[in-house]
Amino acid sequence: MNLQHFEHLLAVVDTGSFSRAAERLHLTQPALSRSIQAMEVELGGALIDRAGKRKGLTPLGALVASRARRVTIEVSEMKRSAALLADLAVGAVRLALGPAPTAVLALPLLRHVAETYPRLKVQLVGGPAEQQLVALRDRAVDALVVHKRLLPTDDDLDVRLLPEMRIGFVCRRDHPLCAANAVSLSRLRDYPLAVSGVGLGREVVQSLDAYFGKAMHFSDAVRFQSDEAWCLLELVRSSDAIFLGAVETARTLIDARELVELRMPKPLRLTSQFAFITLEGVTEAPALEIVHAFCAEHMRDR
């Protein structure tokens, strides 16, 4: 048996007639009959009940037709997947990124694609999370990476959480506080504090108040806020300002020995978590899954 036999059988099942099935398949009726008979000989039983005008299935025929239909669907999906993989070399991925994901992912992702998939197009999009969600639903972007606290609980979203990343304080390498064995909030208040995003989440503020003492009102110590994390990091690199956020956001400058993480009296035990979001039920091109894997690998502590 082969796929052509399955197609012939299903055509008879769907049309209920050898003549109509032969017409659909662009075969002569005798040729179609020989094909069905060859299957029956191989399987050792009749597949088609030939009595009556509309041709029904025997119990064996029903079993074979059911499995034949599954096989043809799988073959069709396999061909579709192959086509998508072929498109990988010349396709396009449109990815919306929040502030911290932009700082962590943008350059490494573009470099990875340039080196590994030279014909793949990548479009990175910024903007508020609400605007990015609209773009996702309008199919203007294929996926977005944003902080999980910004996500609505909507059924049409496929949300894949990325690994949690540690939050810490980062400053330039020769900052006056680098010499301290442990940094108190009162010492931190002597310097501008820069926070990525429009504000600290309630849980983070509560945790920081518990860590430093609620009477200190940690949120009052923040002087600079911006959706452009790279801008804040450049400020920190060139001044006495101190950055608060996911440490991985500053990884490139830390690896370059331009920034360092401040030593605290005890671990903060604060984390930030982001999500890779697509539309539920939409078949993804392999290129998008490659991008998701890259995001999951890089949006983590190193």
C-alpha atoms as a PDB file:
ATOM      1  CA  MET A   1       0.000   0.000   0.000  1.00  0.00           C
ATOM      2  CA  ASN A   2       1.010   3.591  -0.517  1.00  0.00           C
ATOM      3  CA  LEU A   3      -0.380   7.091  -0.028  1.00  0.00           C
ATOM      4  CA  GLN A   4      -2.039   6.980  -3.431  1.00  0.00           C
ATOM      5  CA  HIS A   5      -4.084   3.951  -2.351  1.00  0.00           C
ATOM      6  CA  PHE A   6      -5.210   5.837   0.747  1.00  0.00           C
ATOM      7  CA  GLU A   7      -6.233   8.847  -1.353  1.00  0.00           C
ATOM      8  CA  HIS A   8      -8.237   6.598  -3.676  1.00  0.00           C
ATOM      9  CA  LEU A   9     -10.069   4.936  -0.787  1.00  0.00           C
ATOM     10  CA  LEU A  10     -10.891   8.244   0.883  1.00  0.00           C
ATOM     11  CA  ALA A  11     -12.172   9.677  -2.387  1.00  0.00           C
ATOM     12  CA  VAL A  12     -14.662   6.819  -2.644  1.00  0.00           C
ATOM     13  CA  VAL A  13     -15.646   7.307   1.006  1.00  0.00           C
ATOM     14  CA  ASP A  14     -16.124  11.073   0.593  1.00  0.00           C
ATOM     15  CA  THR A  15     -18.088  10.894  -2.654  1.00  0.00           C
ATOM     16  CA  GLY A  16     -19.937   7.621  -2.027  1.00  0.00           C
ATOM     17  CA  SER A  17     -19.374   6.636  -5.635  1.00  0.00           C
ATOM     18  CA  PHE A  18     -16.607   5.072  -7.744  1.00  0.00           C
ATOM     19  CA  SER A  19     -17.532   7.244 -10.719  1.00  0.00           C
ATOM     20  CA  ARG A  20     -17.500  10.522  -8.808  1.00  0.00           C
ATOM     21  CA  ALA A  21     -14.296   9.533  -7.002  1.00  0.00           C
ATOM     22  CA  ALA A  22     -12.627   8.685 -10.319  1.00  0.00           C
ATOM     23  CA  GLU A  23     -13.710  12.046 -11.706  1.00  0.00           C
ATOM     24  CA  ARG A  24     -12.255  13.874  -8.688  1.00  0.00           C
ATOM     25  CA  LEU A  25      -8.987  11.962  -8.978  1.00  0.00           C
ATOM     26  CA  HIS A  26      -8.812  12.336 -12.780  1.00  0.00           C
ATOM     27  CA  LEU A  27      -8.713   8.540 -13.184  1.00  0.00           C
ATOM     28  CA  THR A  28     -10.748   6.082 -15.162  1.00  0.00           C
ATOM     29  CA  GLN A  29     -13.205   4.118 -13.087  1.00  0.00           C
ATOM     30  CA  PRO A  30     -11.524   0.761 -13.899  1.00  0.00           C
ATOM     31  CA  ALA A  31      -8.159   2.156 -12.727  1.00  0.00           C
ATOM     32  CA  LEU A  32      -9.702   3.290  -9.451  1.00  0.00           C
ATOM     33  CA  SER A  33     -11.396  -0.067  -8.946  1.00  0.00           C
ATOM     34  CA  ARG A  34      -8.074  -1.874  -9.505  1.00  0.00           C
ATOM     35  CA  SER A  35      -6.428   0.344  -6.897  1.00  0.00           C
ATOM     36  CA  ILE A  36      -9.089  -0.462  -4.272  1.00  0.00           C
ATOM     37  CA  GLN A  37      -8.958  -4.159  -5.165  1.00  0.00           C
ATOM     38  CA  ALA A  38      -5.187  -4.196  -4.725  1.00  0.00           C
ATOM     39  CA  MET A  39      -5.649  -2.878  -1.166  1.00  0.00           C
ATOM     40  CA  GLU A  40      -8.310  -5.478  -0.455  1.00  0.00           C
ATOM     41  CA  VAL A  41      -6.044  -8.280  -1.662  1.00  0.00           C
ATOM     42  CA  GLU A  42      -3.179  -7.025   0.490  1.00  0.00           C
ATOM     43  CA  LEU A  43      -5.375  -6.648   3.577  1.00  0.00           C
ATOM     44  CA  GLY A  44      -7.293  -9.858   3.029  1.00  0.00           C
ATOM     45  CA  GLY A  45     -10.822  -8.472   3.085  1.00  0.00           C
ATOM     46  CA  ALA A  46     -13.315  -6.201   1.389  1.00  0.00           C
ATOM     47  CA  LEU A  47     -13.119  -2.508   2.149  1.00  0.00           C
ATOM     48  CA  ILE A  48     -16.100  -1.253   0.149  1.00  0.00           C
ATOM     49  CA  ASP A  49     -19.641  -2.602   0.398  1.00  0.00           C
ATOM     50  CA  ARG A  50     -20.530  -2.540  -3.276  1.00  0.00           C
ATOM     51  CA  ALA A  51     -24.237  -3.228  -2.808  1.00  0.00           C
ATOM     52  CA  GLY A  52     -26.487  -0.248  -3.472  1.00  0.00           C
ATOM     53  CA  LYS A  53     -25.855   3.003  -5.299  1.00  0.00           C
ATOM     54  CA  ARG A  54     -23.900   4.716  -2.518  1.00  0.00           C
ATOM     55  CA  LYS A  55     -20.797   2.758  -1.665  1.00  0.00           C
ATOM     56  CA  GLY A  56     -20.392   2.267   2.088  1.00  0.00           C
ATOM     57  CA  LEU A  57     -17.531   0.833   4.091  1.00  0.00           C
ATOM     58  CA  THR A  58     -17.209  -2.610   5.571  1.00  0.00           C
ATOM     59  CA  PRO A  59     -15.984  -2.788   9.207  1.00  0.00           C
ATOM     60  CA  LEU A  60     -12.462  -3.373   7.872  1.00  0.00           C
ATOM     61  CA  GLY A  61     -12.912  -0.508   5.439  1.00  0.00           C
ATOM     62  CA  ALA A  62     -13.992   1.848   8.233  1.00  0.00           C
ATOM     63  CA  LEU A  63     -10.874   0.965  10.231  1.00  0.00           C
ATOM     64  CA  VAL A  64      -8.574   1.423   7.251  1.00  0.00           C
ATOM     65  CA  ALA A  65     -10.254   4.674   6.179  1.00  0.00           C
ATOM     66  CA  SER A  66      -9.932   6.134   9.674  1.00  0.00           C
ATOM     67  CA  ARG A  67      -6.217   5.419   9.799  1.00  0.00           C
ATOM     68  CA  ALA A  68      -5.714   6.452   6.186  1.00  0.00           C
ATOM     69  CA  ARG A  69      -7.250   9.834   6.948  1.00  0.00           C
ATOM     70  CA  ARG A  70      -4.882  10.338   9.884  1.00  0.00           C
ATOM     71  CA  VAL A  71      -1.924   9.371   7.714  1.00  0.00           C
ATOM     72  CA  THR A  72      -2.871  11.808   4.956  1.00  0.00           C
ATOM     73  CA  ILE A  73      -3.313  14.604   7.525  1.00  0.00           C
ATOM     74  CA  GLU A  74       0.111  13.872   8.972  1.00  0.00           C
ATOM     75  CA  VAL A  75       1.657  13.871   5.517  1.00  0.00           C
ATOM     76  CA  SER A  76      -0.021  17.181   4.734  1.00  0.00           C
ATOM     77  CA  GLU A  77       1.306  18.701   7.981  1.00  0.00           C
ATOM     78  CA  MET A  78       4.747  17.293   7.272  1.00  0.00           C
ATOM     79  CA  LYS A  79       4.757  18.984   3.868  1.00  0.00           C
ATOM     80  CA  ARG A  80       3.571  22.213   5.463  1.00  0.00           C
ATOM     81  CA  SER A  81       6.310  22.035   8.097  1.00  0.00           C
ATOM     82  CA  ALA A  82       8.876  21.404   5.398  1.00  0.00           C
ATOM     83  CA  ALA A  83       7.641  24.477   3.559  1.00  0.00           C
ATOM     84  CA  LEU A  84       7.894  26.531   6.739  1.00  0.00           C
ATOM     85  CA  LEU A  85      11.414  25.268   7.320  1.00  0.00           C
ATOM     86  CA  ALA A  86      12.284  26.210   3.774  1.00  0.00           C
ATOM     87  CA  ASP A  87      10.904  29.662   4.494  1.00  0.00           C
ATOM     88  CA  LEU A  88      13.213  29.931   7.500  1.00  0.00           C
ATOM     89  CA  ALA A  89      16.098  30.975   5.291  1.00  0.00           C
ATOM     90  CA  VAL A  90      14.153  33.812   3.692  1.00  0.00           C
ATOM     91  CA  GLY A  91      11.327  34.430   6.164  1.00  0.00           C
ATOM     92  CA  ALA A  92      10.744  37.210   8.671  1.00  0.00           C
ATOM     93  CA  VAL A  93      10.121  37.465  12.406  1.00  0.00           C
ATOM     94  CA  ARG A  94       8.552  40.547  14.009  1.00  0.00           C
ATOM     95  CA  LEU A  95       9.279  40.661  17.737  1.00  0.00           C
ATOM     96  CA  ALA A  96       8.074  43.301  20.210  1.00  0.00           C
ATOM     97  CA  LEU A  97      10.319  43.830  23.240  1.00  0.00           C
ATOM     98  CA  GLY A  98       9.869  45.596  26.554  1.00  0.00           C
ATOM     99  CA  PRO A  99      12.675  47.789  28.008  1.00  0.00           C
ATOM    100  CA  ALA A 100      14.646  45.108  29.880  1.00  0.00           C
ATOM    101  CA  PRO A 101      14.264  42.483  27.116  1.00  0.00           C
ATOM    102  CA  THR A 102      15.547  45.062  24.643  1.00  0.00           C
ATOM    103  CA  ALA A 103      18.667  45.594  26.759  1.00  0.00           C
ATOM    104  CA  VAL A 104      19.247  41.857  27.209  1.00  0.00           C
ATOM    105  CA  LEU A 105      18.156  40.451  23.845  1.00  0.00           C
ATOM    106  CA  ALA A 106      18.288  42.981  21.028  1.00  0.00           C
ATOM    107  CA  LEU A 107      21.975  43.005  20.090  1.00  0.00           C
ATOM    108  CA  PRO A 108      22.702  39.305  20.851  1.00  0.00           C
ATOM    109  CA  LEU A 109      19.606  38.204  18.880  1.00  0.00           C
ATOM    110  CA  LEU A 110      20.462  40.329  15.857  1.00  0.00           C
ATOM    111  CA  ARG A 111      24.056  39.121  15.956  1.00  0.00           C
ATOM    112  CA  HIS A 112      22.921  35.474  16.240  1.00  0.00           C
ATOM    113  CA  VAL A 113      20.561  35.778  13.276  1.00  0.00           C
ATOM    114  CA  ALA A 114      23.158  37.618  11.191  1.00  0.00           C
ATOM    115  CA  GLU A 115      25.706  34.868  11.801  1.00  0.00           C
ATOM    116  CA  THR A 116      23.432  31.815  11.645  1.00  0.00           C
ATOM    117  CA  TYR A 117      20.483  32.754   9.404  1.00  0.00           C
ATOM    118  CA  PRO A 118      21.836  35.390   7.009  1.00  0.00           C
ATOM    119  CA  ARG A 119      18.652  35.521   4.903  1.00  0.00           C
ATOM    120  CA  LEU A 120      16.211  35.702   7.809  1.00  0.00           C
ATOM    121  CA  LYS A 121      14.664  39.125   8.418  1.00  0.00           C
ATOM    122  CA  VAL A 122      14.127  40.320  11.990  1.00  0.00           C
ATOM    123  CA  GLN A 123      12.101  43.363  12.991  1.00  0.00           C
ATOM    124  CA  LEU A 124      12.312  44.506  16.621  1.00  0.00           C
ATOM    125  CA  VAL A 125       9.537  46.749  17.915  1.00  0.00           C
ATOM    126  CA  GLY A 126       9.393  48.821  21.117  1.00  0.00           C
ATOM    127  CA  GLY A 127       6.594  50.737  22.773  1.00  0.00           C
ATOM    128  CA  PRO A 128       4.194  50.314  25.722  1.00  0.00           C
ATOM    129  CA  ALA A 129       2.980  46.785  26.523  1.00  0.00           C
ATOM    130  CA  GLU A 130      -0.635  47.751  25.778  1.00  0.00           C
ATOM    131  CA  GLN A 131       0.352  48.954  22.308  1.00  0.00           C
ATOM    132  CA  GLN A 132       2.389  45.806  21.698  1.00  0.00           C
ATOM    133  CA  LEU A 133      -0.586  43.603  22.608  1.00  0.00           C
ATOM    134  CA  VAL A 134      -2.732  45.462  20.092  1.00  0.00           C
ATOM    135  CA  ALA A 135      -0.047  44.909  17.461  1.00  0.00           C
ATOM    136  CA  LEU A 136       0.050  41.182  18.326  1.00  0.00           C
ATOM    137  CA  ARG A 137      -3.710  40.820  17.929  1.00  0.00           C
ATOM    138  CA  ASP A 138      -3.594  42.786  14.694  1.00  0.00           C
ATOM    139  CA  ARG A 139      -0.865  40.385  13.491  1.00  0.00           C
ATOM    140  CA  ALA A 140       1.522  43.335  13.090  1.00  0.00           C
ATOM    141  CA  VAL A 141       4.008  41.429  15.273  1.00  0.00           C
ATOM    142  CA  ASP A 142       4.459  37.687  15.727  1.00  0.00           C
ATOM    143  CA  ALA A 143       5.365  37.687  19.425  1.00  0.00           C
ATOM    144  CA  LEU A 144       6.325  39.946  22.284  1.00  0.00           C
ATOM    145  CA  VAL A 145       8.510  39.713  25.380  1.00  0.00           C
ATOM    146  CA  VAL A 146       7.310  41.796  28.343  1.00  0.00           C
ATOM    147  CA  HIS A 147       7.270  41.659  32.123  1.00  0.00           C
ATOM    148  CA  LYS A 148       4.689  39.197  33.394  1.00  0.00           C
ATOM    149  CA  ARG A 149       3.046  41.780  35.681  1.00  0.00           C
ATOM    150  CA  LEU A 150       2.001  43.746  32.584  1.00  0.00           C
ATOM    151  CA  LEU A 151       0.051  40.832  31.097  1.00  0.00           C
ATOM    152  CA  PRO A 152      -3.738  40.714  30.938  1.00  0.00           C
ATOM    153  CA  THR A 153      -5.391  37.390  31.746  1.00  0.00           C
ATOM    154  CA  ASP A 154      -6.892  36.877  28.288  1.00  0.00           C
ATOM    155  CA  ASP A 155      -7.697  33.471  26.815  1.00  0.00           C
ATOM    156  CA  ASP A 156      -6.437  34.371  23.354  1.00  0.00           C
ATOM    157  CA  LEU A 157      -2.812  34.642  24.509  1.00  0.00           C
ATOM    158  CA  ASP A 158      -0.289  31.815  24.656  1.00  0.00           C
ATOM    159  CA  VAL A 159       2.020  32.834  27.515  1.00  0.00           C
ATOM    160  CA  ARG A 160       5.328  31.046  28.025  1.00  0.00           C
ATOM    161  CA  LEU A 161       7.160  32.265  31.103  1.00  0.00           C
ATOM    162  CA  LEU A 162      10.903  32.766  30.777  1.00  0.00           C
ATOM    163  CA  PRO A 163      13.349  32.001  33.630  1.00  0.00           C
ATOM    164  CA  GLU A 164      13.326  34.335  36.626  1.00  0.00           C
ATOM    165  CA  MET A 165      16.180  36.853  36.761  1.00  0.00           C
ATOM    166  CA  ARG A 166      17.741  38.291  39.892  1.00  0.00           C
ATOM    167  CA  ILE A 167      17.221  41.981  40.729  1.00  0.00           C
ATOM    168  CA  GLY A 168      20.150  43.955  42.115  1.00  0.00           C
ATOM    169  CA  PHE A 169      21.870  47.326  42.385  1.00  0.00           C
ATOM    170  CA  VAL A 170      24.479  48.135  39.724  1.00  0.00           C
ATOM    171  CA  CYS A 171      26.949  51.028  39.590  1.00  0.00           C
ATOM    172  CA  ARG A 172      30.145  52.042  37.802  1.00  0.00           C
ATOM    173  CA  ARG A 173      33.264  50.130  38.749  1.00  0.00           C
ATOM    174  CA  ASP A 174      34.939  52.985  40.655  1.00  0.00           C
ATOM    175  CA  HIS A 175      31.788  54.194  42.424  1.00  0.00           C
ATOM    176  CA  PRO A 176      32.356  55.371  46.029  1.00  0.00           C
ATOM    177  CA  LEU A 177      29.999  52.672  47.354  1.00  0.00           C
ATOM    178  CA  CYS A 178      32.052  49.861  45.810  1.00  0.00           C
ATOM    179  CA  ALA A 179      34.442  50.047  48.746  1.00  0.00           C
ATOM    180  CA  ALA A 180      31.667  49.334  51.266  1.00  0.00           C
ATOM    181  CA  ASN A 181      31.293  45.817  52.591  1.00  0.00           C
ATOM    182  CA  ALA A 182      27.520  46.278  52.791  1.00  0.00           C
ATOM    183  CA  VAL A 183      25.323  49.092  51.487  1.00  0.00           C
ATOM    184  CA  SER A 184      22.456  50.532  53.519  1.00  0.00           C
ATOM    185  CA  LEU A 185      19.521  52.457  52.089  1.00  0.00           C
ATOM    186  CA  SER A 186      20.735  55.596  53.809  1.00  0.00           C
ATOM    187  CA  ARG A 187      24.001  55.288  51.844  1.00  0.00           C
ATOM    188  CA  LEU A 188      22.068  54.575  48.643  1.00  0.00           C
ATOM    189  CA  ARG A 189      20.040  57.754  49.192  1.00  0.00           C
ATOM    190  CA  ASP A 190      23.236  59.774  48.811  1.00  0.00           C
ATOM    191  CA  TYR A 191      23.249  58.920  45.097  1.00  0.00           C
ATOM    192  CA  PRO A 192      20.675  59.108  42.274  1.00  0.00           C
ATOM    193  CA  LEU A 193      18.728  55.864  41.950  1.00  0.00           C
ATOM    194  CA  ALA A 194      17.650  54.889  38.402  1.00  0.00           C
ATOM    195  CA  VAL A 195      14.888  52.358  37.759  1.00  0.00           C
ATOM    196  CA  SER A 196      13.943  50.821  34.419  1.00  0.00           C
ATOM    197  CA  GLY A 197      10.279  51.084  33.409  1.00  0.00           C
ATOM    198  CA  VAL A 198       7.465  53.367  34.473  1.00  0.00           C
ATOM    199  CA  GLY A 199       7.608  52.209  38.083  1.00  0.00           C
ATOM    200  CA  LEU A 200       8.406  49.438  40.521  1.00  0.00           C
ATOM    201  CA  GLY A 201       5.881  46.677  40.973  1.00  0.00           C
ATOM    202  CA  ARG A 202       4.012  46.613  44.267  1.00  0.00           C
ATOM    203  CA  GLU A 203       5.597  43.318  45.301  1.00  0.00           C
ATOM    204  CA  VAL A 204       9.098  44.651  44.637  1.00  0.00           C
ATOM    205  CA  VAL A 205       8.451  47.862  46.619  1.00  0.00           C
ATOM    206  CA  GLN A 206       7.005  45.847  49.525  1.00  0.00           C
ATOM    207  CA  SER A 207      10.001  43.521  49.483  1.00  0.00           C
ATOM    208  CA  LEU A 208      12.451  46.452  49.409  1.00  0.00           C
ATOM    209  CA  ASP A 209      10.615  48.187  52.276  1.00  0.00           C
ATOM    210  CA  ALA A 210      10.794  44.955  54.253  1.00  0.00           C
ATOM    211  CA  TYR A 211      14.482  44.598  53.389  1.00  0.00           C
ATOM    212  CA  PHE A 212      15.556  48.150  54.279  1.00  0.00           C
ATOM    213  CA  GLY A 213      12.806  49.050  56.748  1.00  0.00           C
ATOM    214  CA  LYS A 214       9.386  50.346  55.734  1.00  0.00           C
ATOM    215  CA  ALA A 215       9.962  53.698  57.415  1.00  0.00           C
ATOM    216  CA  MET A 216      12.528  54.469  54.711  1.00  0.00           C
ATOM    217  CA  HIS A 217       9.835  54.498  51.955  1.00  0.00           C
ATOM    218  CA  PHE A 218      12.049  53.037  49.261  1.00  0.00           C
ATOM    219  CA  SER A 219      10.013  54.337  46.293  1.00  0.00           C
ATOM    220  CA  ASP A 220      10.748  57.912  47.436  1.00  0.00           C
ATOM    221  CA  ALA A 221      14.448  57.268  46.856  1.00  0.00           C
ATOM    222  CA  VAL A 222      13.969  56.776  43.076  1.00  0.00           C
ATOM    223  CA  ARG A 223      15.115  59.831  41.079  1.00  0.00           C
ATOM    224  CA  PHE A 224      15.268  58.592  37.493  1.00  0.00           C
ATOM    225  CA  GLN A 225      12.915  56.308  35.596  1.00  0.00           C
ATOM    226  CA  SER A 226      12.834  55.452  31.907  1.00  0.00           C
ATOM    227  CA  ASP A 227      11.557  52.825  29.508  1.00  0.00           C
ATOM    228  CA  GLU A 228      14.964  53.003  27.822  1.00  0.00           C
ATOM    229  CA  ALA A 229      17.109  50.761  30.010  1.00  0.00           C
ATOM    230  CA  TRP A 230      20.201  51.405  27.875  1.00  0.00           C
ATOM    231  CA  CYS A 231      19.857  55.134  28.610  1.00  0.00           C
ATOM    232  CA  LEU A 232      19.825  54.512  32.366  1.00  0.00           C
ATOM    233  CA  LEU A 233      22.812  52.173  32.121  1.00  0.00           C
ATOM    234  CA  GLU A 234      24.755  54.770  30.157  1.00  0.00           C
ATOM    235  CA  LEU A 235      23.924  57.294  32.894  1.00  0.00           C
ATOM    236  CA  VAL A 236      25.176  54.847  35.528  1.00  0.00           C
ATOM    237  CA  ARG A 237      28.319  54.131  33.534  1.00  0.00           C
ATOM    238  CA  SER A 238      29.218  57.815  33.369  1.00  0.00           C
ATOM    239  CA  SER A 239      28.019  59.131  36.754  1.00  0.00           C
ATOM    240  CA  ASP A 240      27.403  58.224  40.387  1.00  0.00           C
ATOM    241  CA  ALA A 241      23.840  57.087  39.639  1.00  0.00           C
ATOM    242  CA  ILE A 242      22.884  53.553  40.704  1.00  0.00           C
ATOM    243  CA  PHE A 243      20.726  51.261  38.580  1.00  0.00           C
ATOM    244  CA  LEU A 244      18.080  49.006  40.128  1.00  0.00           C
ATOM    245  CA  GLY A 245      16.713  46.218  37.964  1.00  0.00           C
ATOM    246  CA  ALA A 246      17.452  42.799  36.535  1.00  0.00           C
ATOM    247  CA  VAL A 247      21.231  42.406  36.769  1.00  0.00           C
ATOM    248  CA  GLU A 248      21.294  40.716  33.367  1.00  0.00           C
ATOM    249  CA  THR A 249      20.143  43.992  31.841  1.00  0.00           C
ATOM    250  CA  ALA A 250      23.651  45.304  32.547  1.00  0.00           C
ATOM    251  CA  ARG A 251      25.455  42.073  31.634  1.00  0.00           C
ATOM    252  CA  THR A 252      27.336  43.461  28.642  1.00  0.00           C
ATOM    253  CA  LEU A 253      28.787  46.349  30.672  1.00  0.00           C
ATOM    254  CA  ILE A 254      29.476  44.068  33.650  1.00  0.00           C
ATOM    255  CA  ASP A 255      31.384  41.645  31.412  1.00  0.00           C
ATOM    256  CA  ALA A 256      33.286  44.629  30.009  1.00  0.00           C
ATOM    257  CA  ARG A 257      34.244  45.496  33.641  1.00  0.00           C
ATOM    258  CA  GLU A 258      32.641  48.921  33.374  1.00  0.00           C
ATOM    259  CA  LEU A 259      29.797  48.211  35.809  1.00  0.00           C
ATOM    260  CA  VAL A 260      29.620  46.070  38.944  1.00  0.00           C
ATOM    261  CA  GLU A 261      26.872  44.814  41.206  1.00  0.00           C
ATOM    262  CA  LEU A 262      26.867  46.381  44.661  1.00  0.00           C
ATOM    263  CA  ARG A 263      27.397  44.127  47.662  1.00  0.00           C
ATOM    264  CA  MET A 264      24.403  44.142  49.976  1.00  0.00           C
ATOM    265  CA  PRO A 265      24.348  43.155  53.685  1.00  0.00           C
ATOM    266  CA  LYS A 266      22.205  40.126  52.817  1.00  0.00           C
ATOM    267  CA  PRO A 267      20.718  38.713  49.592  1.00  0.00           C
ATOM    268  CA  LEU A 268      17.820  40.772  48.216  1.00  0.00           C
ATOM    269  CA  ARG A 269      16.004  37.634  47.021  1.00  0.00           C
ATOM    270  CA  LEU A 270      14.144  39.677  44.435  1.00  0.00           C
ATOM    271  CA  THR A 271      13.533  38.437  40.925  1.00  0.00           C
ATOM    272  CA  SER A 272      12.028  39.732  37.728  1.00  0.00           C
ATOM    273  CA  GLN A 273      10.244  37.453  35.276  1.00  0.00           C
ATOM    274  CA  PHE A 274       9.281  38.008  31.664  1.00  0.00           C
ATOM    275  CA  ALA A 275       7.062  36.118  29.245  1.00  0.00           C
ATOM    276  CA  PHE A 276       7.193  35.185  25.567  1.00  0.00           C
ATOM    277  CA  ILE A 277       3.675  35.775  24.226  1.00  0.00           C
ATOM    278  CA  THR A 278       2.000  34.692  21.006  1.00  0.00           C
ATOM    279  CA  LEU A 279      -1.623  34.325  19.950  1.00  0.00           C
ATOM    280  CA  GLU A 280      -3.323  31.126  21.055  1.00  0.00           C
ATOM    281  CA  GLY A 281      -4.083  28.664  18.253  1.00  0.00           C
ATOM    282  CA  VAL A 282      -1.873  30.298  15.633  1.00  0.00           C
ATOM    283  CA  THR A 283       0.579  27.947  13.940  1.00  0.00           C
ATOM    284  CA  GLU A 284       4.074  29.309  14.414  1.00  0.00           C
ATOM    285  CA  ALA A 285       6.783  29.280  11.802  1.00  0.00           C
ATOM    286  CA  PRO A 286       9.960  27.430  12.886  1.00  0.00           C
ATOM    287  CA  ALA A 287      11.835  30.738  12.802  1.00  0.00           C
ATOM    288  CA  LEU A 288       9.665  32.004  15.674  1.00  0.00           C
ATOM    289  CA  GLU A 289      10.379  28.918  17.748  1.00  0.00           C
ATOM    290  CA  ILE A 290      14.087  29.504  17.189  1.00  0.00           C
ATOM    291  CA  VAL A 291      13.637  33.057  18.463  1.00  0.00           C
ATOM    292  CA  HIS A 292      11.708  31.759  21.512  1.00  0.00           C
ATOM    293  CA  ALA A 293      14.494  29.305  22.317  1.00  0.00           C
ATOM    294  CA  PHE A 294      17.043  32.106  22.028  1.00  0.00           C
ATOM    295  CA  CYS A 295      14.997  34.318  24.375  1.00  0.00           C
ATOM    296  CA  ALA A 296      14.638  31.521  26.932  1.00  0.00           C
ATOM    297  CA  GLU A 297      18.393  30.921  26.831  1.00  0.00           C
ATOM    298  CA  HIS A 298      19.376  34.577  27.250  1.00  0.00           C
ATOM    299  CA  MET A 299      16.650  35.930  29.563  1.00  0.00           C
ATOM    300  CA  ARG A 300      18.200  34.164  32.547  1.00  0.00           C
ATOM    301  CA  ASP A 301      20.914  34.735  35.135  1.00  0.00           C
ATOM    302  CA  ARG A 302      24.441  33.887  34.061  1.00  0.00           C
END
